[in-house]
Amino acid sequence: ATIDKCAAMGGGRVTVPAGRTFTAGPIQLKSGIEFHLEHTARLHAIPDRALFIEDALPPRYGGDGKKWIHAFEAEDIAISGTGTIDGRGVEFMGEELPHIYKTDLGRPFVITFEACKRVTIRDVTLRDSPFWSTHLAGCEDILISGIRLLNNLKIPNADGIDPNRCRDLRIIGCHIVGGDDCICPKSEEGFERYGDNEDFVVSGCTMVSTSCAIKLGSTTYGGMRRFVFDNCIIKGSHRGIGLQHRDQGVIEDMLFSNMVIETRLFEQSWWGEGCPIYVTSFPRTADTELGTIRNIRFSNIQARGESGVYVAAQEAGHIDNIALDRVSLEINKTSKIDGGFYDRRPGAADPLIQSSPTSGFHLENAADISAHDCRVTWGENRPDYYRHAVYAKNVDGLDLQNLHGEAAFPERVERVVQES
């Protein structure tokens, strides 16, 4: 009622006062509203699925993805302040924890903004989301700055920020913990009217994920282009940076630079295999007309984990012009989870979980890949499936310059292997 009254008066600030906890079902923001949580103010979702009835996603999600704090076709809206918004995800999941995935759970997002312009989310703490925490669909001119996004690492699909066919997005200085992907641009079916994801800048963020900290995809029905990710730290994650291309869209013109990445293996209910950099193009179904990944640069990246860089496609013609510049890898077995595989889910790849030796750089079915001033070192714990510094198969135009490092077992394994 307060939001509606404020909007009717031309907009302004609606304040959740300090030192108090409020509970609420669905809340709709309107144009011109700043929803402000004072320091120590808390807003909790009511963990009753029956209250959340409005879908935010197409029917193929089986009823998951409902609206809690939401806006549609609003302009000049903001969520601000140093208070906390708590989705109470553990209570929504109940017996489904720790990681049993089912559809029709009716889990809400914490924030859903669709077709909005000039959106600001700053300084707040968002915690314990039951599903994706922040879903932005078809929005333009978005600033997300200084937020703490703290989700439960055992809740599946507890993503951090999911921009879906948005334009002109800046994510600056945030700390994100996700029980799935931390920052996950998507191009979903059902939102084609909003076009492609374009012009994203992410800088100065720290991330922890049970799956992939920075993931593009896996829904890539539309395009993604002109992204810059810079000055970020990823730790304790199943994957670091992932380009997970599965559909007809194009992923192009991107820069990932100045990052420190630490990865580890989790069990296979979570997608991943400990890769700090993962670039794949596999069809979602046998009938998919697959698009392309092209013109991607990884520069000045220090990585430590249980696996190496994985760049692979189902066949040639779908990955082109990948530059790896000053990428330093330290590979060491640190968990008790079995390794020696590459995870190619979701899709029609056969097999989806591919048993394979682990190399520093595994490159397959791609064109024009350069690796300049890169380094591979191996830790003390070296299982037998650790192998080459570089393994390349069916790579047209491989350019290796100033590669430092040896094979995991140089007395019996070749440093660089190239196969046609």
Protein backbone atom coordinates (compact mmCIF):
# COMPACT_ATOMS: atom_id res chain seq x y z
CA ALA A 1 0.00 0.00 0.00
CA THR A 2 2.86 2.39 0.78
CA ILE A 3 4.51 1.69 -2.57
CA ASP A 4 1.24 2.30 -4.41
CA LYS A 5 0.64 5.58 -2.55
CA CYS A 6 4.18 6.78 -3.20
CA ALA A 7 3.91 5.93 -6.91
CA ALA A 8 0.58 7.77 -7.16
CA MET A 9 2.30 10.88 -5.80
CA GLY A 10 4.95 10.74 -8.53
CA GLY A 11 7.50 8.44 -6.88
CA GLY A 12 10.04 8.67 -4.07
CA ARG A 13 11.60 6.58 -1.32
CA VAL A 14 9.78 3.83 0.57
CA THR A 15 11.78 2.99 3.70
CA VAL A 16 12.01 -0.21 5.71
CA PRO A 17 13.09 1.13 9.11
CA ALA A 18 16.21 0.09 11.01
CA GLY A 19 16.25 -2.53 13.73
CA ARG A 20 13.05 -4.32 12.72
CA THR A 21 12.15 -7.48 10.79
CA PHE A 22 9.20 -7.55 8.40
CA THR A 23 7.73 -10.52 6.54
CA ALA A 24 5.93 -10.29 3.22
CA GLY A 25 4.49 -12.12 0.27
CA PRO A 26 4.79 -10.71 -3.27
CA ILE A 27 5.72 -7.01 -3.55
CA GLN A 28 5.48 -5.04 -6.81
CA LEU A 29 7.62 -1.95 -7.33
CA LYS A 30 6.40 0.86 -9.57
CA SER A 31 8.12 3.51 -11.67
CA GLY A 32 9.98 6.14 -9.70
CA ILE A 33 10.21 4.08 -6.50
CA GLU A 34 13.36 3.61 -4.42
CA PHE A 35 12.82 0.73 -2.01
CA HIS A 36 15.27 1.51 0.81
CA LEU A 37 16.28 -0.74 3.70
CA GLU A 38 17.95 1.11 6.54
CA HIS A 39 20.90 -0.40 8.36
CA THR A 40 19.83 -3.53 10.34
CA ALA A 41 16.39 -3.57 8.70
CA ARG A 42 15.34 -7.04 7.54
CA LEU A 43 12.70 -8.12 5.04
CA HIS A 44 11.86 -11.84 5.00
CA ALA A 45 9.87 -13.82 2.46
CA ILE A 46 6.99 -15.80 3.91
CA PRO A 47 8.01 -19.41 3.19
CA ASP A 48 4.56 -20.44 1.92
CA ARG A 49 4.61 -21.54 -1.70
CA ALA A 50 0.87 -20.95 -2.04
CA LEU A 51 1.45 -17.18 -1.80
CA PHE A 52 3.71 -17.09 -4.87
CA ILE A 53 1.50 -17.72 -7.88
CA GLU A 54 2.80 -15.47 -10.67
CA ASP A 55 5.28 -17.19 -12.99
CA ALA A 56 8.49 -15.44 -14.04
CA LEU A 57 9.63 -18.17 -16.46
CA PRO A 58 8.17 -20.22 -19.32
CA PRO A 59 6.19 -23.42 -18.52
CA ARG A 60 9.16 -25.70 -19.29
CA TYR A 61 10.56 -24.81 -15.85
CA GLY A 62 7.76 -26.83 -14.29
CA GLY A 63 6.41 -24.06 -12.09
CA ASP A 64 9.70 -22.97 -10.56
CA GLY A 65 10.61 -19.29 -10.80
CA LYS A 66 7.83 -17.29 -9.12
CA LYS A 67 7.82 -13.56 -8.37
CA TRP A 68 8.49 -12.09 -4.93
CA ILE A 69 9.93 -8.56 -5.22
CA HIS A 70 9.12 -7.69 -8.81
CA ALA A 71 8.46 -5.00 -11.37
CA PHE A 72 7.22 -4.98 -14.95
CA GLU A 73 7.78 -2.17 -17.48
CA ALA A 74 8.86 0.16 -14.67
CA GLU A 75 11.37 2.99 -15.06
CA ASP A 76 13.75 4.62 -12.61
CA ILE A 77 13.45 1.99 -9.88
CA ALA A 78 15.94 1.16 -7.14
CA ILE A 79 16.56 -1.16 -4.22
CA SER A 80 19.04 0.43 -1.83
CA GLY A 81 20.37 0.61 1.71
CA THR A 82 22.47 -1.59 3.99
CA GLY A 83 19.62 -3.73 5.29
CA THR A 84 18.94 -7.37 4.40
CA ILE A 85 16.45 -9.08 2.13
CA ASP A 86 16.12 -12.76 3.08
CA GLY A 87 14.46 -15.26 0.73
CA ARG A 88 14.39 -18.03 3.40
CA GLY A 89 15.45 -20.57 0.83
CA VAL A 90 16.26 -23.34 3.31
CA GLU A 91 12.68 -23.20 4.62
CA PHE A 92 11.28 -23.27 1.07
CA MET A 93 13.36 -26.32 0.23
CA GLY A 94 12.62 -28.23 3.42
CA GLU A 95 13.24 -31.93 2.84
CA GLU A 96 14.68 -31.22 -0.64
CA LEU A 97 18.05 -30.27 0.85
CA PRO A 98 20.94 -30.69 0.33
CA HIS A 99 20.72 -30.98 -3.44
CA ILE A 100 17.76 -33.02 -4.66
CA TYR A 101 16.52 -31.32 -7.81
CA LYS A 102 12.83 -31.51 -8.68
CA THR A 103 10.62 -29.29 -10.79
CA ASP A 104 7.23 -27.99 -9.59
CA LEU A 105 8.73 -26.79 -6.32
CA GLY A 106 7.19 -23.35 -6.88
CA ARG A 107 10.30 -21.59 -5.61
CA PRO A 108 10.35 -17.78 -5.97
CA PHE A 109 13.15 -15.54 -7.09
CA VAL A 110 14.08 -12.82 -4.63
CA ILE A 111 14.04 -10.09 -7.31
CA THR A 112 12.40 -10.24 -10.76
CA PHE A 113 12.53 -7.15 -12.95
CA GLU A 114 11.17 -7.49 -16.49
CA ALA A 115 11.21 -4.88 -19.27
CA CYS A 116 12.44 -2.20 -16.86
CA LYS A 117 14.67 0.78 -17.61
CA ARG A 118 17.20 2.59 -15.43
CA VAL A 119 17.43 0.03 -12.64
CA THR A 120 19.69 0.38 -9.58
CA ILE A 121 20.42 -2.21 -6.88
CA ARG A 122 23.03 -1.02 -4.42
CA ASP A 123 24.54 -1.80 -1.02
CA VAL A 124 21.89 -4.26 0.17
CA THR A 125 22.46 -7.81 1.39
CA LEU A 126 20.42 -10.46 -0.43
CA ARG A 127 20.55 -13.83 1.27
CA ASP A 128 19.22 -17.40 1.14
CA SER A 129 17.35 -17.31 -2.16
CA PRO A 130 15.13 -20.35 -2.89
CA PHE A 131 15.91 -20.10 -6.64
CA TRP A 132 17.71 -17.50 -8.77
CA SER A 133 18.28 -14.49 -6.56
CA THR A 134 18.12 -11.66 -9.10
CA HIS A 135 16.46 -12.26 -12.46
CA LEU A 136 16.59 -9.35 -14.93
CA ALA A 137 14.65 -10.02 -18.14
CA GLY A 138 14.65 -7.56 -21.02
CA CYS A 139 15.94 -4.69 -18.86
CA GLU A 140 18.05 -1.73 -19.99
CA ASP A 141 20.58 0.47 -18.18
CA ILE A 142 21.18 -1.55 -15.00
CA LEU A 143 23.61 -0.75 -12.18
CA ILE A 144 24.27 -3.33 -9.44
CA SER A 145 26.84 -1.97 -7.01
CA GLY A 146 28.30 -2.99 -3.67
CA ILE A 147 25.79 -5.69 -2.81
CA ARG A 148 26.38 -8.83 -0.75
CA LEU A 149 24.58 -11.80 -2.24
CA LEU A 150 24.83 -14.78 0.12
CA ASN A 151 23.02 -17.93 -0.97
CA ASN A 152 23.12 -21.41 0.52
CA LEU A 153 25.74 -23.51 -1.29
CA LYS A 154 23.56 -26.62 -1.02
CA ILE A 155 20.44 -25.26 -2.76
CA PRO A 156 20.33 -26.14 -6.48
CA ASN A 157 19.69 -23.22 -8.85
CA ALA A 158 20.45 -20.70 -6.10
CA ASP A 159 22.10 -18.43 -8.68
CA GLY A 160 23.25 -14.93 -7.91
CA ILE A 161 22.54 -12.51 -10.78
CA ASP A 162 20.89 -13.78 -13.99
CA PRO A 163 20.61 -11.16 -16.76
CA ASN A 164 18.30 -12.47 -19.46
CA ARG A 165 18.37 -10.58 -22.80
CA CYS A 166 19.41 -7.31 -21.17
CA ARG A 167 21.45 -4.32 -22.34
CA ASP A 168 23.90 -1.92 -20.69
CA LEU A 169 24.53 -3.77 -17.42
CA ARG A 170 27.20 -2.87 -14.83
CA ILE A 171 27.98 -5.12 -11.84
CA ILE A 172 30.58 -3.42 -9.67
CA GLY A 173 32.22 -4.31 -6.36
CA CYS A 174 29.91 -7.15 -5.27
CA HIS A 175 30.48 -10.27 -3.17
CA ILE A 176 28.44 -13.22 -4.47
CA VAL A 177 28.06 -16.72 -3.01
CA GLY A 178 25.88 -19.02 -5.10
CA GLY A 179 24.55 -22.55 -4.66
CA ASP A 180 24.77 -22.57 -8.42
CA ASP A 181 26.17 -19.87 -10.75
CA CYS A 182 27.15 -16.46 -9.35
CA ILE A 183 26.74 -14.32 -12.50
CA CYS A 184 24.88 -16.09 -15.27
CA PRO A 185 23.79 -14.25 -18.43
CA LYS A 186 21.09 -16.19 -20.28
CA SER A 187 19.11 -15.89 -23.51
CA GLU A 188 15.97 -17.83 -22.67
CA GLU A 189 13.24 -19.04 -24.97
CA GLY A 190 10.03 -17.14 -24.41
CA PHE A 191 11.77 -13.75 -24.11
CA GLU A 192 12.76 -13.30 -27.77
CA ARG A 193 10.95 -9.94 -27.94
CA TYR A 194 13.75 -8.43 -25.84
CA GLY A 195 16.56 -9.28 -28.25
CA ASP A 196 20.10 -10.23 -27.17
CA ASN A 197 22.36 -9.67 -24.15
CA GLU A 198 24.66 -6.77 -25.03
CA ASP A 199 27.19 -4.46 -23.38
CA PHE A 200 27.97 -5.87 -19.91
CA VAL A 201 30.75 -4.74 -17.57
CA VAL A 202 31.60 -6.72 -14.41
CA SER A 203 34.45 -5.44 -12.23
CA GLY A 204 35.87 -5.80 -8.74
CA CYS A 205 33.73 -8.75 -7.64
CA THR A 206 34.50 -11.75 -5.42
CA MET A 207 32.65 -15.01 -6.05
CA VAL A 208 32.15 -18.51 -4.62
CA SER A 209 30.03 -21.14 -6.40
CA THR A 210 29.12 -24.80 -6.10
CA SER A 211 28.89 -24.78 -9.88
CA CYS A 212 30.30 -22.02 -12.14
CA ALA A 213 31.17 -18.57 -10.80
CA ILE A 214 30.83 -16.75 -14.14
CA LYS A 215 28.66 -18.72 -16.57
CA LEU A 216 27.35 -17.63 -19.95
CA GLY A 217 24.49 -19.98 -20.78
CA SER A 218 23.53 -22.68 -20.89
CA THR A 219 20.41 -21.16 -22.49
CA THR A 220 21.87 -19.46 -25.56
CA TYR A 221 18.85 -19.19 -27.84
CA GLY A 222 19.75 -15.54 -28.44
CA GLY A 223 23.09 -13.76 -28.76
CA MET A 224 25.55 -12.40 -26.21
CA ARG A 225 28.10 -9.79 -27.22
CA ARG A 226 30.45 -7.08 -25.95
CA PHE A 227 31.11 -8.25 -22.37
CA VAL A 228 34.04 -7.23 -20.15
CA PHE A 229 34.85 -9.08 -16.91
CA ASP A 230 37.82 -7.54 -15.08
CA ASN A 231 39.56 -7.49 -11.68
CA CYS A 232 37.63 -10.34 -10.08
CA ILE A 233 38.49 -13.13 -7.64
CA ILE A 234 36.89 -16.57 -7.82
CA LYS A 235 37.50 -19.12 -5.07
CA GLY A 236 36.16 -22.46 -3.85
CA SER A 237 34.20 -23.02 -7.07
CA HIS A 238 33.48 -26.04 -9.25
CA ARG A 239 34.26 -23.94 -12.33
CA GLY A 240 35.69 -20.47 -12.71
CA ILE A 241 34.67 -18.94 -16.04
CA GLY A 242 32.30 -20.95 -18.25
CA LEU A 243 30.99 -20.28 -21.75
CA GLN A 244 28.33 -22.98 -22.01
CA HIS A 245 26.95 -22.69 -25.53
CA ARG A 246 24.10 -25.09 -26.38
CA ASP A 247 21.75 -23.38 -28.84
CA GLN A 248 21.57 -21.28 -32.01
CA GLY A 249 22.75 -17.98 -30.51
CA VAL A 250 26.21 -16.43 -30.95
CA ILE A 251 28.62 -15.60 -28.09
CA GLU A 252 31.14 -13.03 -29.32
CA ASP A 253 33.47 -10.11 -28.57
CA MET A 254 34.38 -10.64 -24.93
CA LEU A 255 37.29 -9.94 -22.61
CA PHE A 256 38.08 -11.72 -19.32
CA SER A 257 41.11 -10.13 -17.65
CA ASN A 258 43.09 -9.66 -14.44
CA MET A 259 41.59 -12.47 -12.39
CA VAL A 260 42.61 -14.91 -9.68
CA ILE A 261 40.70 -18.20 -9.88
CA GLU A 262 40.72 -21.16 -7.49
CA THR A 263 38.63 -24.24 -8.28
CA ARG A 264 37.97 -27.64 -6.75
CA LEU A 265 35.83 -30.68 -7.53
CA PHE A 266 32.37 -31.22 -6.08
CA GLU A 267 30.35 -34.38 -6.64
CA GLN A 268 28.63 -34.77 -10.01
CA SER A 269 25.16 -33.58 -9.00
CA TRP A 270 26.71 -30.17 -9.63
CA TRP A 271 27.90 -29.37 -13.18
CA GLY A 272 31.64 -28.91 -13.39
CA GLU A 273 35.02 -30.60 -13.15
CA GLY A 274 37.32 -28.08 -11.53
CA CYS A 275 38.19 -26.14 -14.71
CA PRO A 276 39.22 -22.51 -14.22
CA ILE A 277 38.26 -21.74 -17.85
CA TYR A 278 35.62 -23.73 -19.74
CA VAL A 279 34.56 -22.91 -23.31
CA THR A 280 32.23 -25.44 -24.93
CA SER A 281 29.78 -25.65 -27.80
CA PHE A 282 27.60 -28.77 -27.87
CA PRO A 283 24.05 -29.04 -29.25
CA ARG A 284 21.20 -29.13 -26.75
CA THR A 285 19.36 -31.75 -28.82
CA ALA A 286 20.20 -33.83 -31.86
CA ASP A 287 18.18 -31.35 -33.97
CA THR A 288 19.77 -28.13 -32.66
CA GLU A 289 21.21 -25.79 -35.30
CA LEU A 290 24.17 -24.70 -33.23
CA GLY A 291 25.56 -21.16 -33.34
CA THR A 292 29.13 -20.00 -32.68
CA ILE A 293 31.53 -18.79 -29.97
CA ARG A 294 34.05 -16.35 -31.41
CA ASN A 295 36.44 -13.52 -30.59
CA ILE A 296 37.03 -14.26 -26.89
CA ARG A 297 40.17 -13.20 -24.99
CA PHE A 298 41.42 -14.39 -21.59
CA SER A 299 44.26 -12.20 -20.35
CA ASN A 300 46.43 -12.09 -17.22
CA ILE A 301 44.72 -14.86 -15.28
CA GLN A 302 46.27 -16.71 -12.34
CA ALA A 303 44.49 -20.03 -11.74
CA ARG A 304 44.85 -22.88 -9.28
CA GLY A 305 42.64 -25.96 -9.32
CA GLU A 306 42.14 -29.66 -9.92
CA SER A 307 41.79 -29.39 -13.69
CA GLY A 308 42.97 -27.22 -16.56
CA VAL A 309 41.51 -25.12 -19.35
CA TYR A 310 38.92 -26.93 -21.47
CA VAL A 311 37.96 -25.61 -24.93
CA ALA A 312 35.88 -28.08 -26.95
CA ALA A 313 33.05 -28.36 -29.46
CA GLN A 314 30.99 -31.21 -30.84
CA GLU A 315 32.53 -30.56 -34.24
CA ALA A 316 34.58 -27.93 -36.04
CA GLY A 317 32.97 -24.64 -37.01
CA HIS A 318 31.49 -23.55 -33.68
CA ILE A 319 34.49 -22.15 -31.73
CA ASP A 320 36.71 -19.60 -33.43
CA ASN A 321 39.40 -17.12 -32.35
CA ILE A 322 40.06 -17.82 -28.68
CA ALA A 323 43.07 -15.98 -27.23
CA LEU A 324 44.78 -17.15 -24.03
CA ASP A 325 47.31 -14.52 -23.00
CA ARG A 326 49.39 -14.89 -19.81
CA VAL A 327 47.16 -17.60 -18.35
CA SER A 328 49.03 -19.34 -15.55
CA LEU A 329 47.76 -22.72 -14.28
CA GLU A 330 48.73 -24.62 -11.15
CA ILE A 331 47.04 -28.03 -11.21
CA ASN A 332 46.93 -30.20 -8.10
CA LYS A 333 44.59 -32.85 -6.69
CA THR A 334 43.11 -31.41 -3.49
CA SER A 335 39.69 -33.05 -2.98
CA LYS A 336 38.62 -36.66 -2.49
CA ILE A 337 36.20 -36.48 -5.44
CA ASP A 338 37.15 -38.63 -8.43
CA GLY A 339 38.52 -36.69 -11.39
CA GLY A 340 39.70 -37.60 -14.86
CA PHE A 341 36.65 -36.45 -16.79
CA TYR A 342 35.18 -33.47 -18.64
CA ASP A 343 31.59 -32.46 -17.93
CA ARG A 344 29.67 -31.55 -21.11
CA ARG A 345 26.19 -31.22 -19.65
CA PRO A 346 23.56 -30.25 -20.69
CA GLY A 347 22.95 -31.41 -24.24
CA ALA A 348 23.20 -34.20 -26.76
CA ALA A 349 26.96 -34.79 -26.48
CA ASP A 350 27.83 -38.45 -26.24
CA PRO A 351 28.90 -39.03 -23.55
CA LEU A 352 27.87 -36.07 -21.40
CA ILE A 353 30.47 -37.03 -18.80
CA GLN A 354 33.57 -37.82 -20.86
CA SER A 355 36.30 -39.87 -19.23
CA SER A 356 39.54 -38.21 -20.28
CA PRO A 357 43.06 -37.48 -19.08
CA THR A 358 43.48 -33.99 -17.66
CA SER A 359 45.82 -31.62 -19.48
CA GLY A 360 46.82 -28.07 -18.71
CA PHE A 361 45.10 -26.91 -21.89
CA HIS A 362 42.69 -29.36 -23.57
CA LEU A 363 41.68 -27.94 -26.97
CA GLU A 364 39.36 -29.82 -29.32
CA ASN A 365 37.42 -29.10 -32.55
CA ALA A 366 38.17 -25.37 -32.69
CA ALA A 367 39.90 -22.84 -34.93
CA ASP A 368 42.43 -20.07 -34.40
CA ILE A 369 43.41 -20.63 -30.80
CA SER A 370 46.42 -18.72 -29.51
CA ALA A 371 48.22 -19.34 -26.21
CA HIS A 372 50.94 -16.76 -25.55
CA ASP A 373 53.13 -16.59 -22.45
CA CYS A 374 51.09 -19.24 -20.66
CA ARG A 375 52.35 -21.49 -17.87
CA VAL A 376 51.45 -24.95 -16.54
CA THR A 377 52.76 -26.27 -13.24
CA TRP A 378 51.72 -29.45 -11.42
CA GLY A 379 51.39 -29.86 -7.66
CA GLU A 380 52.64 -32.72 -5.53
CA ASN A 381 49.42 -34.74 -5.73
CA ARG A 382 49.41 -35.99 -9.32
CA PRO A 383 46.97 -38.79 -10.16
CA ASP A 384 47.81 -40.93 -13.17
CA TYR A 385 45.22 -39.15 -15.33
CA TYR A 386 47.23 -35.89 -15.19
CA ARG A 387 49.03 -35.69 -18.53
CA HIS A 388 50.13 -33.01 -21.02
CA ALA A 389 50.78 -29.31 -20.75
CA VAL A 390 48.79 -28.92 -24.00
CA TYR A 391 46.59 -31.46 -25.75
CA ALA A 392 45.09 -30.28 -29.06
CA LYS A 393 42.85 -32.35 -31.32
CA ASN A 394 41.46 -31.07 -34.62
CA VAL A 395 42.49 -27.48 -33.96
CA ASP A 396 42.96 -25.47 -37.13
CA GLY A 397 45.39 -22.62 -36.50
CA LEU A 398 46.97 -23.35 -33.11
CA ASP A 399 49.51 -20.67 -32.14
CA LEU A 400 51.69 -21.53 -29.12
CA GLN A 401 54.31 -18.98 -28.09
CA ASN A 402 56.49 -18.97 -24.95
CA LEU A 403 54.74 -21.88 -23.27
CA HIS A 404 56.28 -22.56 -19.85
CA GLY A 405 55.98 -25.84 -17.99
CA GLU A 406 56.21 -29.57 -18.53
CA ALA A 407 53.88 -32.52 -18.68
CA ALA A 408 52.66 -33.93 -15.36
CA PHE A 409 54.99 -36.92 -15.78
CA PRO A 410 57.69 -35.68 -18.19
CA GLU A 411 59.63 -38.96 -18.08
CA ARG A 412 56.77 -40.77 -19.86
CA VAL A 413 54.26 -38.19 -21.17
CA GLU A 414 54.76 -35.69 -23.98
CA ARG A 415 54.63 -32.00 -23.15
CA VAL A 416 52.55 -30.98 -26.19
CA VAL A 417 50.36 -33.31 -28.26
CA GLN A 418 48.62 -32.24 -31.47
CA GLU A 419 46.28 -34.68 -33.22
CA SER A 420 44.15 -34.27 -36.33
